[in-house]
Every structure is written in structure tokens, then in C-alpha cells.
Amino acid sequence: MSAVLIRILTCDGLAGGEICGEEFGGDTGFLPLVTLRRRAREAGWRRRRRGRDLCPACVKDGAR
């Protein structure tokens, strides 16, 4: 038996009244959370207060 740790950020922005759900990450290698967040920020993702993550499309649309 084997196990793999996969870290994924999911967008919490509202798109058309529903949660966007866009994902970032998914690397099967061990990736520290700090590194994942840095890469996401470089790709246009933003972390809001209270821990909400927003994808570049929701940031552009002004989703809160």
C-alpha cells in the first residue's frame, strides 16, 4: 500500500451565485504549503482575509 500527499487550492469566489471551484496545484510530489501558495500567487491567485482563496478569473471579476 502507498499513499501520496496532493495539495490543492480551491477558489472560494462566487461566479454567477455559485462557488467557482477552480483548482490550483495537484502535484504528486511533496510540496510545502508555503511553496504552493507562492506559486499560486505568481500565477495570479490571491488569498483574502479569513482564508479565502481566489483564482485569477475571480480576482479580475472582483469576486469577494
Protein backbone atom coordinates (compact mmCIF):
# COMPACT_ATOMS: atom_id res chain seq x y z
CA MET A 1 0.00 0.00 0.00
CA SER A 2 1.20 3.50 -0.71
CA ALA A 3 -0.05 7.00 -0.02
CA VAL A 4 0.51 10.24 -1.86
CA LEU A 5 0.00 13.72 -0.47
CA ILE A 6 -1.58 16.06 -3.01
CA ARG A 7 -2.12 19.71 -2.05
CA ILE A 8 -4.73 21.67 -3.97
CA LEU A 9 -6.05 25.22 -3.53
CA THR A 10 -9.71 25.66 -4.46
CA CYS A 11 -11.22 29.01 -5.43
CA ASP A 12 -13.86 30.29 -3.00
CA GLY A 13 -15.06 33.12 -5.25
CA LEU A 14 -18.68 33.41 -6.28
CA ALA A 15 -19.25 33.09 -10.03
CA GLY A 16 -22.88 33.55 -11.03
CA GLY A 17 -24.08 32.97 -7.48
CA GLU A 18 -22.20 29.68 -7.06
CA ILE A 19 -18.74 28.89 -5.73
CA CYS A 20 -16.21 28.95 -8.58
CA GLY A 21 -14.28 25.80 -7.56
CA GLU A 22 -11.26 26.40 -9.84
CA GLU A 23 -8.25 24.44 -8.58
CA PHE A 24 -4.51 25.07 -8.42
CA GLY A 25 -1.84 22.52 -7.55
CA GLY A 26 -2.22 18.80 -7.73
CA ASP A 27 1.48 17.96 -7.90
CA THR A 28 2.00 14.43 -6.65
CA GLY A 29 5.41 15.25 -5.17
CA PHE A 30 5.59 16.65 -1.65
CA LEU A 31 5.19 20.39 -1.95
CA PRO A 32 5.28 22.54 1.19
CA LEU A 33 2.18 24.70 1.55
CA VAL A 34 4.31 27.86 1.57
CA THR A 35 5.72 26.91 -1.84
CA LEU A 36 2.28 26.09 -3.22
CA ARG A 37 0.91 29.46 -2.08
CA ARG A 38 3.93 31.29 -3.56
CA ARG A 39 3.43 29.57 -6.94
CA ALA A 40 -0.30 30.30 -6.84
CA ARG A 41 0.39 33.99 -6.13
CA GLU A 42 2.80 34.09 -9.08
CA ALA A 43 0.01 32.61 -11.22
CA GLY A 44 -2.41 35.37 -10.18
CA TRP A 45 -4.19 33.72 -7.24
CA ARG A 46 -4.98 35.86 -4.19
CA ARG A 47 -5.60 34.92 -0.57
CA ARG A 48 -8.30 37.03 1.09
CA ARG A 49 -8.93 37.67 4.74
CA ARG A 50 -10.44 34.77 6.64
CA GLY A 51 -8.52 32.30 4.47
CA ARG A 52 -10.46 32.55 1.21
CA ASP A 53 -8.53 31.79 -1.99
CA LEU A 54 -9.47 33.44 -5.29
CA CYS A 55 -8.40 32.33 -8.77
CA PRO A 56 -7.23 34.92 -11.34
CA ALA A 57 -10.66 35.00 -13.07
CA CYS A 58 -12.48 35.78 -9.81
CA VAL A 59 -9.85 38.38 -8.85
CA LYS A 60 -10.37 40.03 -12.24
CA ASP A 61 -14.17 39.93 -11.87
CA GLY A 62 -13.96 41.41 -8.37
CA ALA A 63 -15.46 38.35 -6.64
CA ARG A 64 -15.45 38.57 -2.87
